Amino acid sequence: MSFTLRNIKDLEDIGSVFDGPPDLEFRTATKALELERSALTHQRVPPNYRFPYGHTHATQEEVFVVVRGSGRMKLDDEIVELREWDAVRVPPGTWRGYEAGAEGLEILVVGAPNLGEHPRDDVDGRRDWWAE
């Protein structure tokens, strides 16, 4: 039997790529875990901060799992409240964005299928997509 073990917190934090505050964390674990059919990211959004980009996928389905904190998520034109251990499945073609509540928001995002070497080909993203 073969397996891959990695500590997600040991992976590179690319949160600064998203022009957010210095305590925004974003770690991609897909390659580190050698995932073949799915993808995994870990994100920690600081208190009362809205992730600056909304996005949608052409083929990838995603599941967002709240592991700590709370917040809200915008799915197309609907806004839902999030609390610890909520899981939200988002199908391809649905726009999504999220923001942290007063204690912050920590999420794991599982996507399938794995988008391979060119994941940006499947995604359309917009800065400030969720504007009041």
Protein backbone atom coordinates (compact mmCIF):
# COMPACT_ATOMS: atom_id res chain seq x y z
CA MET A 1 0.00 0.00 0.00
CA SER A 2 1.26 3.44 -0.86
CA PHE A 3 0.21 6.69 0.79
CA THR A 4 1.32 10.31 1.22
CA LEU A 5 1.51 12.07 4.58
CA ARG A 6 2.02 15.84 4.79
CA ASN A 7 1.24 18.45 7.43
CA ILE A 8 -0.78 21.16 5.68
CA LYS A 9 0.60 23.89 7.96
CA ASP A 10 4.12 23.01 6.73
CA LEU A 11 3.17 23.89 3.14
CA GLU A 12 3.94 27.26 1.58
CA ASP A 13 1.46 30.00 2.48
CA ILE A 14 0.50 31.82 -0.73
CA GLY A 15 -2.03 34.14 0.93
CA SER A 16 -0.03 37.20 -0.15
CA VAL A 17 -0.84 36.38 -3.81
CA PHE A 18 -4.42 37.49 -3.14
CA ASP A 19 -3.50 41.04 -1.99
CA GLY A 20 -5.14 40.49 1.38
CA PRO A 21 -4.01 41.27 4.92
CA PRO A 22 -0.78 39.66 6.13
CA ASP A 23 -2.67 37.11 8.26
CA LEU A 24 -4.67 35.69 5.31
CA GLU A 25 -3.46 32.09 4.84
CA PHE A 26 -3.91 29.99 1.71
CA ARG A 27 -2.13 26.65 1.33
CA THR A 28 -2.56 24.27 -1.59
CA ALA A 29 -2.04 20.61 -0.72
CA THR A 30 -2.94 18.97 -4.05
CA LYS A 31 0.62 18.43 -5.33
CA ALA A 32 2.12 17.87 -1.88
CA LEU A 33 -0.31 15.02 -1.26
CA GLU A 34 0.11 13.69 -4.82
CA LEU A 35 -3.66 13.82 -5.32
CA GLU A 36 -4.69 12.28 -8.63
CA ARG A 37 -8.49 12.72 -8.73
CA SER A 38 -9.16 15.60 -6.35
CA ALA A 39 -7.69 18.82 -4.99
CA LEU A 40 -7.31 20.24 -1.47
CA THR A 41 -6.64 23.71 -0.07
CA HIS A 42 -6.59 25.13 3.44
CA GLN A 43 -7.56 28.75 4.01
CA ARG A 44 -7.63 30.91 7.10
CA VAL A 45 -9.46 34.19 6.69
CA PRO A 46 -8.90 36.83 9.40
CA PRO A 47 -11.85 38.14 11.46
CA ASN A 48 -14.42 40.23 9.59
CA TYR A 49 -12.51 39.98 6.29
CA ARG A 50 -14.08 39.13 2.95
CA PHE A 51 -11.88 37.04 0.64
CA PRO A 52 -11.11 39.49 -2.18
CA TYR A 53 -11.99 37.21 -5.11
CA GLY A 54 -15.12 35.36 -6.15
CA HIS A 55 -14.78 32.49 -8.61
CA THR A 56 -16.55 29.77 -10.54
CA HIS A 57 -15.38 26.55 -12.20
CA ALA A 58 -16.36 25.07 -15.57
CA THR A 59 -15.94 21.43 -14.48
CA GLN A 60 -14.79 21.26 -10.86
CA GLU A 61 -17.20 20.65 -7.98
CA GLU A 62 -16.01 21.97 -4.60
CA VAL A 63 -16.90 21.22 -0.99
CA PHE A 64 -16.09 23.91 1.59
CA VAL A 65 -15.79 22.57 5.17
CA VAL A 66 -15.66 25.04 8.06
CA VAL A 67 -13.19 23.64 10.58
CA ARG A 68 -13.05 26.70 12.83
CA GLY A 69 -14.88 29.97 13.19
CA SER A 70 -17.86 31.26 11.26
CA GLY A 71 -18.78 33.54 8.40
CA ARG A 72 -20.93 33.88 5.34
CA MET A 73 -20.76 32.56 1.80
CA LYS A 74 -22.27 34.07 -1.32
CA LEU A 75 -23.41 31.51 -3.90
CA ASP A 76 -24.52 33.28 -7.08
CA ASP A 77 -27.10 35.70 -5.59
CA GLU A 78 -27.78 33.85 -2.32
CA ILE A 79 -25.95 34.42 0.98
CA VAL A 80 -25.74 31.63 3.58
CA GLU A 81 -24.47 31.70 7.15
CA LEU A 82 -21.58 29.37 8.02
CA ARG A 83 -20.62 27.83 11.36
CA GLU A 84 -18.12 25.22 12.51
CA TRP A 85 -18.39 21.88 10.69
CA ASP A 86 -20.82 23.15 8.07
CA ALA A 87 -20.06 21.68 4.65
CA VAL A 88 -21.20 23.43 1.47
CA ARG A 89 -21.14 21.63 -1.89
CA VAL A 90 -20.81 24.02 -4.82
CA PRO A 91 -21.41 22.65 -8.33
CA PRO A 92 -19.58 23.82 -11.46
CA GLY A 93 -20.96 27.06 -12.88
CA THR A 94 -21.93 28.56 -9.50
CA TRP A 95 -20.13 31.74 -8.44
CA ARG A 96 -18.82 31.64 -4.88
CA GLY A 97 -17.15 33.92 -2.35
CA TYR A 98 -16.85 34.00 1.44
CA GLU A 99 -16.13 36.20 4.41
CA ALA A 100 -15.12 35.58 8.00
CA GLY A 101 -17.17 36.37 11.06
CA ALA A 102 -15.88 38.03 14.24
CA GLU A 103 -13.65 35.06 15.20
CA GLY A 104 -12.29 34.40 11.70
CA LEU A 105 -12.99 31.54 9.29
CA GLU A 106 -10.84 28.48 8.69
CA ILE A 107 -11.87 26.18 5.85
CA LEU A 108 -10.77 23.12 3.93
CA VAL A 109 -11.78 23.09 0.27
CA VAL A 110 -11.97 19.79 -1.58
CA GLY A 111 -12.36 19.92 -5.35
CA ALA A 112 -12.94 17.22 -7.94
CA PRO A 113 -11.86 16.40 -10.50
CA ASN A 114 -8.20 17.33 -10.12
CA LEU A 115 -7.53 20.07 -12.68
CA GLY A 116 -4.02 18.87 -13.52
CA GLU A 117 -1.16 21.11 -14.57
CA HIS A 118 -3.36 23.98 -15.80
CA PRO A 119 -6.02 24.59 -13.12
CA ARG A 120 -6.53 28.24 -14.16
CA ASP A 121 -8.05 27.03 -17.44
CA ASP A 122 -11.12 25.83 -15.48
CA VAL A 123 -11.67 28.89 -13.31
CA ASP A 124 -13.08 32.35 -13.87
CA GLY A 125 -12.33 34.74 -11.01
CA ARG A 126 -13.13 38.36 -10.28
CA ARG A 127 -11.72 40.67 -7.69
CA ASP A 128 -14.43 42.35 -5.58
CA TRP A 129 -17.09 40.07 -7.10
CA TRP A 130 -19.04 40.23 -3.83
CA ALA A 131 -19.71 43.92 -3.33
CA GLU A 132 -22.58 45.24 -1.19
